[in-house]
Amino acid sequence: MDSIHLEIRGRVQGVGFRWFIRDTARRLDLSGWVSNRADGLVELAAAGDAHSLEKLAAEAKKGPPGAMVEEVRSLPPIDPASLPKPFDIARVR
């Protein structure tokens, strides 16, 4: 099982970004979470097959209507076994 851990910068809070990511990840049958951060960024961690993770990362770069993603940065890996299934929205980090 592969995993990704991303930080998304831009207009990504207050535009339905977490719900968009949650719904996309669930359609792709991924484990993990997405969370708003106190610094205005969104963070996500996901685990599953590599192809589905690539699709999720591509959607995170676009975001939902109303979002304006400026940057997506990789963060240190998170143990895939620690990620919840189904994929869900986590509390502010």
PDB file of N, CA and C in Angstrom:
ATOM      1  N   MET A   1       0.854  -1.184   0.000  1.00  0.00           N
ATOM      2  CA  MET A   1       0.000   0.000   0.000  1.00  0.00           C
ATOM      3  C   MET A   1       0.895   1.240   0.000  1.00  0.00           C
ATOM      4  N   ASP A   2       0.584   2.173  -0.864  1.00  0.00           N
ATOM      5  CA  ASP A   2       1.321   3.429  -0.956  1.00  0.00           C
ATOM      6  C   ASP A   2       0.588   4.504  -0.161  1.00  0.00           C
ATOM      7  N   SER A   3       1.267   5.627   0.064  1.00  0.00           N
ATOM      8  CA  SER A   3       0.619   6.739   0.764  1.00  0.00           C
ATOM      9  C   SER A   3       1.165   8.066   0.272  1.00  0.00           C
ATOM     10  N   ILE A   4       0.369   9.115   0.503  1.00  0.00           N
ATOM     11  CA  ILE A   4       0.799  10.488   0.235  1.00  0.00           C
ATOM     12  C   ILE A   4       0.450  11.328   1.457  1.00  0.00           C
ATOM     13  N   HIS A   5       1.205  12.395   1.633  1.00  0.00           N
ATOM     14  CA  HIS A   5       0.953  13.359   2.717  1.00  0.00           C
ATOM     15  C   HIS A   5       1.236  14.725   2.109  1.00  0.00           C
ATOM     16  N   LEU A   6       0.205  15.536   1.961  1.00  0.00           N
ATOM     17  CA  LEU A   6       0.324  16.789   1.220  1.00  0.00           C
ATOM     18  C   LEU A   6      -0.146  17.990   2.032  1.00  0.00           C
ATOM     19  N   GLU A   7       0.426  19.125   1.694  1.00  0.00           N
ATOM     20  CA  GLU A   7       0.030  20.423   2.244  1.00  0.00           C
ATOM     21  C   GLU A   7      -0.416  21.266   1.055  1.00  0.00           C
ATOM     22  N   ILE A   8      -1.616  21.842   1.150  1.00  0.00           N
ATOM     23  CA  ILE A   8      -2.171  22.615   0.039  1.00  0.00           C
ATOM     24  C   ILE A   8      -2.326  24.061   0.474  1.00  0.00           C
ATOM     25  N   ARG A   9      -1.750  24.964  -0.332  1.00  0.00           N
ATOM     26  CA  ARG A   9      -1.742  26.393  -0.032  1.00  0.00           C
ATOM     27  C   ARG A   9      -2.556  27.133  -1.085  1.00  0.00           C
ATOM     28  N   GLY A  10      -3.233  28.178  -0.661  1.00  0.00           N
ATOM     29  CA  GLY A  10      -4.024  29.006  -1.569  1.00  0.00           C
ATOM     30  C   GLY A  10      -5.352  29.342  -0.917  1.00  0.00           C
ATOM     31  N   ARG A  11      -6.361  29.613  -1.740  1.00  0.00           N
ATOM     32  CA  ARG A  11      -7.708  29.831  -1.200  1.00  0.00           C
ATOM     33  C   ARG A  11      -8.357  28.448  -1.109  1.00  0.00           C
ATOM     34  N   VAL A  12      -8.117  27.795   0.049  1.00  0.00           N
ATOM     35  CA  VAL A  12      -8.536  26.412   0.215  1.00  0.00           C
ATOM     36  C   VAL A  12      -9.393  26.195   1.469  1.00  0.00           C
ATOM     37  N   GLN A  13      -9.673  27.259   2.209  1.00  0.00           N
ATOM     38  CA  GLN A  13     -10.569  27.141   3.352  1.00  0.00           C
ATOM     39  C   GLN A  13     -11.808  27.974   3.076  1.00  0.00           C
ATOM     40  N   GLY A  14     -12.950  27.443   3.474  1.00  0.00           N
ATOM     41  CA  GLY A  14     -14.217  28.157   3.256  1.00  0.00           C
ATOM     42  C   GLY A  14     -14.775  28.000   1.857  1.00  0.00           C
ATOM     43  N   VAL A  15     -14.249  27.051   1.090  1.00  0.00           N
ATOM     44  CA  VAL A  15     -14.706  26.849  -0.290  1.00  0.00           C
ATOM     45  C   VAL A  15     -15.123  25.400  -0.553  1.00  0.00           C
ATOM     46  N   GLY A  16     -15.267  24.596   0.496  1.00  0.00           N
ATOM     47  CA  GLY A  16     -15.659  23.199   0.337  1.00  0.00           C
ATOM     48  C   GLY A  16     -14.530  22.272  -0.042  1.00  0.00           C
ATOM     49  N   PHE A  17     -13.293  22.717   0.165  1.00  0.00           N
ATOM     50  CA  PHE A  17     -12.137  21.922  -0.255  1.00  0.00           C
ATOM     51  C   PHE A  17     -12.077  20.578   0.463  1.00  0.00           C
ATOM     52  N   ARG A  18     -12.279  20.562   1.783  1.00  0.00           N
ATOM     53  CA  ARG A  18     -12.178  19.299   2.531  1.00  0.00           C
ATOM     54  C   ARG A  18     -13.254  18.315   2.080  1.00  0.00           C
ATOM     55  N   TRP A  19     -14.468  18.793   1.870  1.00  0.00           N
ATOM     56  CA  TRP A  19     -15.544  17.912   1.409  1.00  0.00           C
ATOM     57  C   TRP A  19     -15.244  17.371   0.021  1.00  0.00           C
ATOM     58  N   PHE A  20     -14.698  18.210  -0.837  1.00  0.00           N
ATOM     59  CA  PHE A  20     -14.316  17.807  -2.186  1.00  0.00           C
ATOM     60  C   PHE A  20     -13.274  16.688  -2.127  1.00  0.00           C
ATOM     61  N   ILE A  21     -12.260  16.861  -1.287  1.00  0.00           N
ATOM     62  CA  ILE A  21     -11.207  15.846  -1.154  1.00  0.00           C
ATOM     63  C   ILE A  21     -11.786  14.575  -0.539  1.00  0.00           C
ATOM     64  N   ARG A  22     -12.602  14.721   0.504  1.00  0.00           N
ATOM     65  CA  ARG A  22     -13.196  13.545   1.145  1.00  0.00           C
ATOM     66  C   ARG A  22     -14.009  12.726   0.150  1.00  0.00           C
ATOM     67  N   ASP A  23     -14.863  13.387  -0.612  1.00  0.00           N
ATOM     68  CA  ASP A  23     -15.702  12.672  -1.574  1.00  0.00           C
ATOM     69  C   ASP A  23     -14.863  12.009  -2.659  1.00  0.00           C
ATOM     70  N   THR A  24     -13.841  12.699  -3.139  1.00  0.00           N
ATOM     71  CA  THR A  24     -12.955  12.138  -4.158  1.00  0.00           C
ATOM     72  C   THR A  24     -12.224  10.917  -3.606  1.00  0.00           C
ATOM     73  N   ALA A  25     -11.663  11.031  -2.418  1.00  0.00           N
ATOM     74  CA  ALA A  25     -10.914   9.919  -1.812  1.00  0.00           C
ATOM     75  C   ALA A  25     -11.813   8.717  -1.557  1.00  0.00           C
ATOM     76  N   ARG A  26     -13.046   8.957  -1.139  1.00  0.00           N
ATOM     77  CA  ARG A  26     -13.971   7.837  -0.904  1.00  0.00           C
ATOM     78  C   ARG A  26     -14.333   7.144  -2.208  1.00  0.00           C
ATOM     79  N   ARG A  27     -14.539   7.916  -3.281  1.00  0.00           N
ATOM     80  CA  ARG A  27     -14.814   7.302  -4.587  1.00  0.00           C
ATOM     81  C   ARG A  27     -13.643   6.438  -5.039  1.00  0.00           C
ATOM     82  N   LEU A  28     -12.429   6.846  -4.656  1.00  0.00           N
ATOM     83  CA  LEU A  28     -11.220   6.113  -5.031  1.00  0.00           C
ATOM     84  C   LEU A  28     -10.874   5.006  -4.038  1.00  0.00           C
ATOM     85  N   ASP A  29     -11.707   4.822  -3.016  1.00  0.00           N
ATOM     86  CA  ASP A  29     -11.539   3.783  -1.999  1.00  0.00           C
ATOM     87  C   ASP A  29     -10.211   3.924  -1.231  1.00  0.00           C
ATOM     88  N   LEU A  30      -9.874   5.160  -0.869  1.00  0.00           N
ATOM     89  CA  LEU A  30      -8.644   5.429  -0.129  1.00  0.00           C
ATOM     90  C   LEU A  30      -8.913   5.551   1.366  1.00  0.00           C
ATOM     91  N   SER A  31      -7.898   5.288   2.150  1.00  0.00           N
ATOM     92  CA  SER A  31      -7.917   5.551   3.588  1.00  0.00           C
ATOM     93  C   SER A  31      -7.292   6.915   3.809  1.00  0.00           C
ATOM     94  N   GLY A  32      -7.582   7.542   4.965  1.00  0.00           N
ATOM     95  CA  GLY A  32      -6.888   8.773   5.302  1.00  0.00           C
ATOM     96  C   GLY A  32      -7.782   9.855   5.842  1.00  0.00           C
ATOM     97  N   TRP A  33      -7.265  11.068   5.797  1.00  0.00           N
ATOM     98  CA  TRP A  33      -7.973  12.229   6.337  1.00  0.00           C
ATOM     99  C   TRP A  33      -7.536  13.497   5.614  1.00  0.00           C
ATOM    100  N   VAL A  34      -8.367  14.530   5.759  1.00  0.00           N
ATOM    101  CA  VAL A  34      -8.056  15.876   5.277  1.00  0.00           C
ATOM    102  C   VAL A  34      -8.451  16.836   6.384  1.00  0.00           C
ATOM    103  N   SER A  35      -7.662  17.895   6.570  1.00  0.00           N
ATOM    104  CA  SER A  35      -7.914  18.807   7.678  1.00  0.00           C
ATOM    105  C   SER A  35      -7.519  20.229   7.326  1.00  0.00           C
ATOM    106  N   ASN A  36      -8.329  21.185   7.791  1.00  0.00           N
ATOM    107  CA  ASN A  36      -7.894  22.576   7.769  1.00  0.00           C
ATOM    108  C   ASN A  36      -6.821  22.723   8.834  1.00  0.00           C
ATOM    109  N   ARG A  37      -5.861  23.583   8.580  1.00  0.00           N
ATOM    110  CA  ARG A  37      -4.858  23.894   9.593  1.00  0.00           C
ATOM    111  C   ARG A  37      -5.073  25.320  10.069  1.00  0.00           C
ATOM    112  N   ALA A  38      -4.631  25.579  11.282  1.00  0.00           N
ATOM    113  CA  ALA A  38      -4.802  26.903  11.884  1.00  0.00           C
ATOM    114  C   ALA A  38      -4.082  27.982  11.084  1.00  0.00           C
ATOM    115  N   ASP A  39      -3.057  27.608  10.300  1.00  0.00           N
ATOM    116  CA  ASP A  39      -2.299  28.582   9.516  1.00  0.00           C
ATOM    117  C   ASP A  39      -2.938  28.895   8.161  1.00  0.00           C
ATOM    118  N   GLY A  40      -4.159  28.350   7.909  1.00  0.00           N
ATOM    119  CA  GLY A  40      -4.865  28.642   6.665  1.00  0.00           C
ATOM    120  C   GLY A  40      -4.641  27.649   5.547  1.00  0.00           C
ATOM    121  N   LEU A  41      -3.784  26.662   5.770  1.00  0.00           N
ATOM    122  CA  LEU A  41      -3.515  25.636   4.768  1.00  0.00           C
ATOM    123  C   LEU A  41      -4.425  24.443   5.003  1.00  0.00           C
ATOM    124  N   VAL A  42      -4.461  23.539   4.031  1.00  0.00           N
ATOM    125  CA  VAL A  42      -5.145  22.264   4.175  1.00  0.00           C
ATOM    126  C   VAL A  42      -4.082  21.174   4.093  1.00  0.00           C
ATOM    127  N   GLU A  43      -4.233  20.160   4.932  1.00  0.00           N
ATOM    128  CA  GLU A  43      -3.301  19.033   4.956  1.00  0.00           C
ATOM    129  C   GLU A  43      -4.101  17.767   4.715  1.00  0.00           C
ATOM    130  N   LEU A  44      -3.508  16.852   3.939  1.00  0.00           N
ATOM    131  CA  LEU A  44      -4.170  15.579   3.727  1.00  0.00           C
ATOM    132  C   LEU A  44      -3.159  14.452   3.757  1.00  0.00           C
ATOM    133  N   ALA A  45      -3.617  13.313   4.224  1.00  0.00           N
ATOM    134  CA  ALA A  45      -2.836  12.083   4.216  1.00  0.00           C
ATOM    135  C   ALA A  45      -3.751  10.993   3.685  1.00  0.00           C
ATOM    136  N   ALA A  46      -3.250  10.206   2.744  1.00  0.00           N
ATOM    137  CA  ALA A  46      -4.072   9.167   2.133  1.00  0.00           C
ATOM    138  C   ALA A  46      -3.223   7.942   1.834  1.00  0.00           C
ATOM    139  N   ALA A  47      -3.886   6.776   1.847  1.00  0.00           N
ATOM    140  CA  ALA A  47      -3.210   5.522   1.533  1.00  0.00           C
ATOM    141  C   ALA A  47      -4.107   4.684   0.645  1.00  0.00           C
ATOM    142  N   GLY A  48      -3.468   3.928  -0.244  1.00  0.00           N
ATOM    143  CA  GLY A  48      -4.188   3.057  -1.161  1.00  0.00           C
ATOM    144  C   GLY A  48      -3.283   2.694  -2.312  1.00  0.00           C
ATOM    145  N   ASP A  49      -3.882   2.326  -3.435  1.00  0.00           N
ATOM    146  CA  ASP A  49      -3.055   1.970  -4.586  1.00  0.00           C
ATOM    147  C   ASP A  49      -2.499   3.237  -5.246  1.00  0.00           C
ATOM    148  N   ALA A  50      -1.351   3.087  -5.876  1.00  0.00           N
ATOM    149  CA  ALA A  50      -0.619   4.234  -6.434  1.00  0.00           C
ATOM    150  C   ALA A  50      -1.444   5.012  -7.450  1.00  0.00           C
ATOM    151  N   HIS A  51      -2.193   4.327  -8.296  1.00  0.00           N
ATOM    152  CA  HIS A  51      -2.983   5.006  -9.330  1.00  0.00           C
ATOM    153  C   HIS A  51      -4.051   5.910  -8.706  1.00  0.00           C
ATOM    154  N   SER A  52      -4.738   5.404  -7.687  1.00  0.00           N
ATOM    155  CA  SER A  52      -5.772   6.197  -7.011  1.00  0.00           C
ATOM    156  C   SER A  52      -5.166   7.387  -6.283  1.00  0.00           C
ATOM    157  N   LEU A  53      -3.998   7.195  -5.693  1.00  0.00           N
ATOM    158  CA  LEU A  53      -3.323   8.304  -5.010  1.00  0.00           C
ATOM    159  C   LEU A  53      -2.916   9.390  -5.992  1.00  0.00           C
ATOM    160  N   GLU A  54      -2.470   8.992  -7.176  1.00  0.00           N
ATOM    161  CA  GLU A  54      -2.122   9.969  -8.214  1.00  0.00           C
ATOM    162  C   GLU A  54      -3.353  10.789  -8.609  1.00  0.00           C
ATOM    163  N   LYS A  55      -4.493  10.115  -8.738  1.00  0.00           N
ATOM    164  CA  LYS A  55      -5.733  10.815  -9.084  1.00  0.00           C
ATOM    165  C   LYS A  55      -6.120  11.806  -7.986  1.00  0.00           C
ATOM    166  N   LEU A  56      -6.012  11.387  -6.717  1.00  0.00           N
ATOM    167  CA  LEU A  56      -6.346  12.285  -5.613  1.00  0.00           C
ATOM    168  C   LEU A  56      -5.416  13.494  -5.604  1.00  0.00           C
ATOM    169  N   ALA A  57      -4.117  13.264  -5.791  1.00  0.00           N
ATOM    170  CA  ALA A  57      -3.160  14.372  -5.811  1.00  0.00           C
ATOM    171  C   ALA A  57      -3.470  15.337  -6.956  1.00  0.00           C
ATOM    172  N   ALA A  58      -3.854  14.815  -8.104  1.00  0.00           N
ATOM    173  CA  ALA A  58      -4.203  15.672  -9.243  1.00  0.00           C
ATOM    174  C   ALA A  58      -5.441  16.512  -8.930  1.00  0.00           C
ATOM    175  N   GLU A  59      -6.439  15.921  -8.266  1.00  0.00           N
ATOM    176  CA  GLU A  59      -7.638  16.663  -7.892  1.00  0.00           C
ATOM    177  C   GLU A  59      -7.315  17.718  -6.831  1.00  0.00           C
ATOM    178  N   ALA A  60      -6.403  17.406  -5.926  1.00  0.00           N
ATOM    179  CA  ALA A  60      -5.997  18.372  -4.896  1.00  0.00           C
ATOM    180  C   ALA A  60      -5.330  19.587  -5.538  1.00  0.00           C
ATOM    181  N   LYS A  61      -4.647  19.395  -6.648  1.00  0.00           N
ATOM    182  CA  LYS A  61      -3.995  20.514  -7.342  1.00  0.00           C
ATOM    183  C   LYS A  61      -5.009  21.431  -8.003  1.00  0.00           C
ATOM    184  N   LYS A  62      -6.183  20.890  -8.352  1.00  0.00           N
ATOM    185  CA  LYS A  62      -7.245  21.686  -8.976  1.00  0.00           C
ATOM    186  C   LYS A  62      -8.186  22.279  -7.934  1.00  0.00           C
ATOM    187  N   GLY A  63      -8.658  21.416  -7.028  1.00  0.00           N
ATOM    188  CA  GLY A  63      -9.622  21.846  -6.019  1.00  0.00           C
ATOM    189  C   GLY A  63     -11.007  21.993  -6.600  1.00  0.00           C
ATOM    190  N   PRO A  64     -11.979  22.285  -5.736  1.00  0.00           N
ATOM    191  CA  PRO A  64     -13.357  22.472  -6.187  1.00  0.00           C
ATOM    192  C   PRO A  64     -13.555  23.874  -6.771  1.00  0.00           C
ATOM    193  N   PRO A  65     -14.722  24.132  -7.398  1.00  0.00           N
ATOM    194  CA  PRO A  65     -15.004  25.496  -7.850  1.00  0.00           C
ATOM    195  C   PRO A  65     -14.934  26.453  -6.657  1.00  0.00           C
ATOM    196  N   GLY A  66     -14.345  27.593  -6.854  1.00  0.00           N
ATOM    197  CA  GLY A  66     -14.199  28.572  -5.777  1.00  0.00           C
ATOM    198  C   GLY A  66     -12.846  28.527  -5.098  1.00  0.00           C
ATOM    199  N   ALA A  67     -12.157  27.398  -5.217  1.00  0.00           N
ATOM    200  CA  ALA A  67     -10.812  27.290  -4.633  1.00  0.00           C
ATOM    201  C   ALA A  67      -9.784  27.833  -5.623  1.00  0.00           C
ATOM    202  N   MET A  68      -8.661  28.269  -5.097  1.00  0.00           N
ATOM    203  CA  MET A  68      -7.540  28.659  -5.936  1.00  0.00           C
ATOM    204  C   MET A  68      -6.281  28.072  -5.305  1.00  0.00           C
ATOM    205  N   VAL A  69      -5.867  26.920  -5.823  1.00  0.00           N
ATOM    206  CA  VAL A  69      -4.695  26.235  -5.294  1.00  0.00           C
ATOM    207  C   VAL A  69      -3.450  26.895  -5.860  1.00  0.00           C
ATOM    208  N   GLU A  70      -2.586  27.365  -4.967  1.00  0.00           N
ATOM    209  CA  GLU A  70      -1.343  28.014  -5.373  1.00  0.00           C
ATOM    210  C   GLU A  70      -0.166  27.056  -5.329  1.00  0.00           C
ATOM    211  N   GLU A  71      -0.193  26.104  -4.388  1.00  0.00           N
ATOM    212  CA  GLU A  71       0.941  25.194  -4.237  1.00  0.00           C
ATOM    213  C   GLU A  71       0.491  23.933  -3.514  1.00  0.00           C
ATOM    214  N   VAL A  72       1.021  22.801  -3.956  1.00  0.00           N
ATOM    215  CA  VAL A  72       0.842  21.528  -3.265  1.00  0.00           C
ATOM    216  C   VAL A  72       2.231  21.002  -2.970  1.00  0.00           C
ATOM    217  N   ARG A  73       2.499  20.770  -1.685  1.00  0.00           N
ATOM    218  CA  ARG A  73       3.836  20.367  -1.254  1.00  0.00           C
ATOM    219  C   ARG A  73       3.751  19.029  -0.526  1.00  0.00           C
ATOM    220  N   SER A  74       4.713  18.154  -0.795  1.00  0.00           N
ATOM    221  CA  SER A  74       4.786  16.869  -0.105  1.00  0.00           C
ATOM    222  C   SER A  74       5.360  17.056   1.289  1.00  0.00           C
ATOM    223  N   LEU A  75       4.780  16.349   2.243  1.00  0.00           N
ATOM    224  CA  LEU A  75       5.231  16.347   3.629  1.00  0.00           C
ATOM    225  C   LEU A  75       5.800  14.971   3.951  1.00  0.00           C
ATOM    226  N   PRO A  76       6.478  14.831   5.093  1.00  0.00           N
ATOM    227  CA  PRO A  76       7.027  13.518   5.464  1.00  0.00           C
ATOM    228  C   PRO A  76       5.921  12.454   5.496  1.00  0.00           C
ATOM    229  N   PRO A  77       6.272  11.238   5.094  1.00  0.00           N
ATOM    230  CA  PRO A  77       5.267  10.172   5.032  1.00  0.00           C
ATOM    231  C   PRO A  77       4.626   9.865   6.384  1.00  0.00           C
ATOM    232  N   ILE A  78       3.393   9.384   6.301  1.00  0.00           N
ATOM    233  CA  ILE A  78       2.652   8.909   7.472  1.00  0.00           C
ATOM    234  C   ILE A  78       2.412   7.417   7.254  1.00  0.00           C
ATOM    235  N   ASP A  79       2.521   6.636   8.315  1.00  0.00           N
ATOM    236  CA  ASP A  79       2.310   5.189   8.232  1.00  0.00           C
ATOM    237  C   ASP A  79       0.904   4.897   7.700  1.00  0.00           C
ATOM    238  N   PRO A  80       0.792   4.218   6.562  1.00  0.00           N
ATOM    239  CA  PRO A  80      -0.524   3.927   5.990  1.00  0.00           C
ATOM    240  C   PRO A  80      -1.446   3.185   6.958  1.00  0.00           C
ATOM    241  N   ALA A  81      -0.896   2.338   7.797  1.00  0.00           N
ATOM    242  CA  ALA A  81      -1.709   1.564   8.735  1.00  0.00           C
ATOM    243  C   ALA A  81      -2.394   2.455   9.780  1.00  0.00           C
ATOM    244  N   SER A  82      -1.887   3.677   9.962  1.00  0.00           N
ATOM    245  CA  SER A  82      -2.471   4.581  10.964  1.00  0.00           C
ATOM    246  C   SER A  82      -3.622   5.414  10.405  1.00  0.00           C
ATOM    247  N   LEU A  83      -3.895   5.308   9.118  1.00  0.00           N
ATOM    248  CA  LEU A  83      -4.913   6.151   8.479  1.00  0.00           C
ATOM    249  C   LEU A  83      -6.284   5.486   8.516  1.00  0.00           C
ATOM    250  N   PRO A  84      -7.320   6.250   8.887  1.00  0.00           N
ATOM    251  CA  PRO A  84      -8.663   5.681   9.022  1.00  0.00           C
ATOM    252  C   PRO A  84      -9.315   5.378   7.679  1.00  0.00           C
ATOM    253  N   LYS A  85     -10.194   4.378   7.705  1.00  0.00           N
ATOM    254  CA  LYS A  85     -11.012   4.083   6.539  1.00  0.00           C
ATOM    255  C   LYS A  85     -12.435   3.957   7.028  1.00  0.00           C
ATOM    256  N   PRO A  86     -13.405   4.620   6.449  1.00  0.00           N
ATOM    257  CA  PRO A  86     -13.267   5.398   5.222  1.00  0.00           C
ATOM    258  C   PRO A  86     -12.547   6.730   5.463  1.00  0.00           C
ATOM    259  N   PHE A  87     -12.035   7.281   4.373  1.00  0.00           N
ATOM    260  CA  PHE A  87     -11.388   8.586   4.386  1.00  0.00           C
ATOM    261  C   PHE A  87     -12.347   9.590   5.007  1.00  0.00           C
ATOM    262  N   ASP A  88     -11.830  10.473   5.860  1.00  0.00           N
ATOM    263  CA  ASP A  88     -12.725  11.394   6.537  1.00  0.00           C
ATOM    264  C   ASP A  88     -12.086  12.763   6.745  1.00  0.00           C
ATOM    265  N   ILE A  89     -12.883  13.671   7.230  1.00  0.00           N
ATOM    266  CA  ILE A  89     -12.423  15.018   7.572  1.00  0.00           C
ATOM    267  C   ILE A  89     -11.985  15.000   9.041  1.00  0.00           C
ATOM    268  N   ALA A  90     -10.767  15.467   9.291  1.00  0.00           N
ATOM    269  CA  ALA A  90     -10.239  15.505  10.650  1.00  0.00           C
ATOM    270  C   ALA A  90     -10.403  16.913  11.223  1.00  0.00           C
ATOM    271  N   ARG A  91     -10.291  17.019  12.520  1.00  0.00           N
ATOM    272  CA  ARG A  91     -10.372  18.321  13.192  1.00  0.00           C
ATOM    273  C   ARG A  91      -9.187  19.190  12.795  1.00  0.00           C
ATOM    274  N   VAL A  92      -9.336  20.490  13.010  1.00  0.00           N
ATOM    275  CA  VAL A  92      -8.262  21.437  12.683  1.00  0.00           C
ATOM    276  C   VAL A  92      -6.983  21.003  13.375  1.00  0.00           C
ATOM    277  N   ARG A  93      -5.890  21.017  12.622  1.00  0.00           N
ATOM    278  CA  ARG A  93      -4.594  20.572  13.138  1.00  0.00           C
ATOM    279  C   ARG A  93      -3.774  21.771  13.527  1.00  0.00           C
TER     280      ARG A  93
END
